[in-house]
C-alpha atoms as a PDB file:
ATOM      1  CA  MET A   1      98.225 155.300 113.406  1.00  0.00           C
ATOM      2  CA  GLN A   2     100.695 152.455 112.917  1.00  0.00           C
ATOM      3  CA  GLU A   3      99.368 148.897 112.482  1.00  0.00           C
ATOM      4  CA  LEU A   4     100.909 146.342 114.749  1.00  0.00           C
ATOM      5  CA  ARG A   5     101.645 142.987 113.222  1.00  0.00           C
ATOM      6  CA  SER A   6     102.684 139.713 114.984  1.00  0.00           C
ATOM      7  CA  MET A   7     106.089 138.339 114.273  1.00  0.00           C
ATOM      8  CA  ALA A   8     106.931 134.716 113.790  1.00  0.00           C
ATOM      9  CA  VAL A   9     109.977 133.619 115.809  1.00  0.00           C
ATOM     10  CA  LEU A  10     111.884 130.375 116.588  1.00  0.00           C
ATOM     11  CA  ILE A  11     112.435 129.869 120.261  1.00  0.00           C
ATOM     12  CA  ASP A  12     115.491 127.968 121.285  1.00  0.00           C
ATOM     13  CA  THR A  13     114.796 125.262 123.930  1.00  0.00           C
ATOM     14  CA  ASN A  14     117.228 126.942 126.309  1.00  0.00           C
ATOM     15  CA  VAL A  15     114.842 129.865 126.414  1.00  0.00           C
ATOM     16  CA  ILE A  16     112.065 127.587 127.418  1.00  0.00           C
ATOM     17  CA  ILE A  17     114.144 125.906 130.003  1.00  0.00           C
ATOM     18  CA  ASP A  18     115.279 129.234 131.457  1.00  0.00           C
ATOM     19  CA  PHE A  19     111.686 130.184 131.930  1.00  0.00           C
ATOM     20  CA  LEU A  20     110.601 126.865 133.471  1.00  0.00           C
ATOM     21  CA  ILE A  21     113.288 126.553 135.920  1.00  0.00           C
ATOM     22  CA  THR A  22     113.658 130.295 136.609  1.00  0.00           C
ATOM     23  CA  ARG A  23     117.304 130.213 135.696  1.00  0.00           C
ATOM     24  CA  GLU A  24     119.114 133.478 136.404  1.00  0.00           C
ATOM     25  CA  PRO A  25     120.219 135.769 134.889  1.00  0.00           C
ATOM     26  CA  TYR A  26     118.097 134.586 131.870  1.00  0.00           C
ATOM     27  CA  PHE A  27     114.684 134.282 133.489  1.00  0.00           C
ATOM     28  CA  GLU A  28     113.558 137.890 133.027  1.00  0.00           C
ATOM     29  CA  SER A  29     114.326 137.870 129.270  1.00  0.00           C
ATOM     30  CA  SER A  30     112.874 134.359 128.741  1.00  0.00           C
ATOM     31  CA  SER A  31     109.780 135.430 130.587  1.00  0.00           C
ATOM     32  CA  ASN A  32     109.312 138.482 128.352  1.00  0.00           C
ATOM     33  CA  VAL A  33     109.505 136.173 125.210  1.00  0.00           C
ATOM     34  CA  ILE A  34     106.981 133.707 126.688  1.00  0.00           C
ATOM     35  CA  GLU A  35     104.587 136.449 127.728  1.00  0.00           C
ATOM     36  CA  LYS A  36     104.696 137.984 124.265  1.00  0.00           C
ATOM     37  CA  CYS A  37     103.851 134.647 122.738  1.00  0.00           C
ATOM     38  CA  ALA A  38     100.946 134.113 125.104  1.00  0.00           C
ATOM     39  CA  ALA A  39      99.678 137.535 124.248  1.00  0.00           C
ATOM     40  CA  GLY A  40      99.755 136.684 120.496  1.00  0.00           C
ATOM     41  CA  GLU A  41     102.441 139.350 119.690  1.00  0.00           C
ATOM     42  CA  LEU A  42     104.651 136.523 118.537  1.00  0.00           C
ATOM     43  CA  LYS A  43     103.836 133.343 116.694  1.00  0.00           C
END
């Protein structure tokens, strides 16, 4: 069984803005990044 490790990433402020104001066409991608951070998959 493969061990899952968390990954440290640097998130550009535009990704956060895209998520907060649901800016299309970037909202879906930014939402995925934010969700992974909230789930602890990214640091």
